[in-house]
Amino acid sequence: MTFAEYQAESQKTAIYPDRGNNLAYTVLGLNGEAGEVADKLKKIIRDQNYEINETNRQAIAEELGDVLWYIAQAATELKIDFEAIAQNNLTKLFSRQDRNKLNGSGDNR
């Protein structure tokens, strides 16, 4: 499945207030789901000494799927092609790698 296909298919399940004009909802949802990923990892660190088993691997994968869904919806709200976002990100990262700027901080490096 391509990112474009995912974006189109995920729209079939996008039911939320003022859809098509509600970037805030999608960004807040994205933040919440990313927090759930972090919380699952925190509990693995606390309770399992960093040992990831198949059960929590699957639980994290499900939360990552929710993160993916919200990214797709945010892209749709912004009228941006999800596939273009992925490609632009790789272009940026490879440029940083070529310039030995993967490490460090700041958006414009």
Protein backbone atom coordinates (compact mmCIF):
# COMPACT_ATOMS: atom_id res chain seq x y z
CA MET A 1 0.00 0.00 0.00
CA THR A 2 1.28 3.45 -0.83
CA PHE A 3 0.94 6.49 1.37
CA ALA A 4 -1.54 7.93 -1.16
CA GLU A 5 -3.66 4.78 -0.97
CA TYR A 6 -3.53 4.84 2.83
CA GLN A 7 -4.56 8.50 2.91
CA ALA A 8 -7.54 7.82 0.64
CA GLU A 9 -8.64 4.66 2.47
CA SER A 10 -8.23 6.17 5.93
CA GLN A 11 -10.59 8.99 4.94
CA LYS A 12 -13.40 6.41 4.93
CA THR A 13 -13.05 6.17 8.72
CA ALA A 14 -12.48 9.89 9.38
CA ILE A 15 -15.51 10.89 11.40
CA TYR A 16 -14.94 13.94 13.58
CA PRO A 17 -16.42 17.42 14.06
CA ASP A 18 -16.07 19.86 11.16
CA ARG A 19 -14.06 17.40 9.11
CA GLY A 20 -12.24 19.19 6.32
CA ASN A 21 -11.80 22.28 8.45
CA ASN A 22 -10.45 20.96 11.74
CA LEU A 23 -6.69 20.69 11.76
CA ALA A 24 -6.68 21.15 15.54
CA TYR A 25 -8.63 17.93 16.10
CA THR A 26 -6.18 15.88 14.03
CA VAL A 27 -3.07 17.44 15.57
CA LEU A 28 -4.39 16.97 19.11
CA GLY A 29 -5.28 13.37 18.29
CA LEU A 30 -1.80 12.82 16.88
CA ASN A 31 -0.27 14.17 20.06
CA GLY A 32 -2.47 11.93 22.19
CA GLU A 33 -1.61 8.79 20.23
CA ALA A 34 2.11 9.61 20.27
CA GLY A 35 1.76 9.96 24.04
CA GLU A 36 0.22 6.48 24.18
CA VAL A 37 3.24 5.07 22.33
CA ALA A 38 5.53 6.78 24.83
CA ASP A 39 3.47 5.56 27.79
CA LYS A 40 3.66 1.95 26.62
CA LEU A 41 7.44 2.24 26.34
CA LYS A 42 7.65 3.88 29.77
CA LYS A 43 5.84 0.92 31.28
CA ILE A 44 8.14 -1.52 29.51
CA ILE A 45 11.12 0.33 30.97
CA ARG A 46 9.56 0.43 34.44
CA ASP A 47 8.07 -3.06 34.59
CA GLN A 48 10.15 -5.14 32.19
CA ASN A 49 13.63 -3.61 32.28
CA TYR A 50 13.44 -2.58 28.60
CA GLU A 51 12.51 -6.12 27.48
CA ILE A 52 10.00 -5.88 24.63
CA ASN A 53 7.96 -9.05 24.18
CA GLU A 54 5.56 -9.92 21.37
CA THR A 55 2.52 -8.72 23.33
CA ASN A 56 3.84 -5.22 23.93
CA ARG A 57 5.45 -5.10 20.48
CA GLN A 58 1.96 -5.60 19.02
CA ALA A 59 0.44 -3.05 21.41
CA ILE A 60 2.99 -0.44 20.34
CA ALA A 61 2.41 -1.33 16.67
CA GLU A 62 -1.32 -0.66 17.14
CA GLU A 63 -0.63 2.73 18.68
CA LEU A 64 1.79 3.54 15.84
CA GLY A 65 -1.05 2.73 13.46
CA ASP A 66 -3.18 5.30 15.25
CA VAL A 67 -0.34 7.83 14.91
CA LEU A 68 -0.22 7.07 11.18
CA TRP A 69 -3.99 7.61 10.88
CA TYR A 70 -3.82 11.02 12.54
CA ILE A 71 -0.88 12.07 10.36
CA ALA A 72 -2.89 11.13 7.29
CA GLN A 73 -5.89 13.12 8.53
CA ALA A 74 -3.75 16.15 9.37
CA ALA A 75 -2.26 16.00 5.87
CA THR A 76 -5.76 15.82 4.41
CA GLU A 77 -6.91 18.77 6.51
CA LEU A 78 -3.96 20.73 5.11
CA LYS A 79 -4.71 19.49 1.58
CA ILE A 80 -1.23 17.99 1.36
CA ASP A 81 -0.49 14.69 -0.30
CA PHE A 82 0.70 12.23 2.37
CA GLU A 83 3.08 10.62 -0.12
CA ALA A 84 4.67 14.04 -0.79
CA ILE A 85 5.21 14.49 2.96
CA ALA A 86 7.06 11.17 3.13
CA GLN A 87 9.16 11.95 0.06
CA ASN A 88 10.01 15.48 1.22
CA ASN A 89 11.08 14.13 4.59
CA LEU A 90 13.48 11.65 2.98
CA THR A 91 14.84 14.35 0.69
CA LYS A 92 15.54 16.55 3.72
CA LEU A 93 17.17 13.73 5.67
CA PHE A 94 19.38 12.60 2.79
CA SER A 95 20.46 16.21 2.26
CA ARG A 96 21.44 16.44 5.91
CA GLN A 97 23.28 13.14 5.64
CA ASP A 98 25.17 14.30 2.55
CA ARG A 99 26.18 17.48 4.41
CA ASN A 100 27.03 15.57 7.62
CA LYS A 101 24.24 17.41 9.47
CA LEU A 102 22.09 14.52 10.75
CA ASN A 103 23.31 15.21 14.27
CA GLY A 104 22.74 18.51 15.97
CA SER A 105 19.65 20.60 16.45
CA GLY A 106 17.58 23.09 14.55
CA ASP A 107 15.19 22.69 11.66
CA ASN A 108 17.39 24.39 9.07
CA ARG A 109 20.61 22.46 9.28
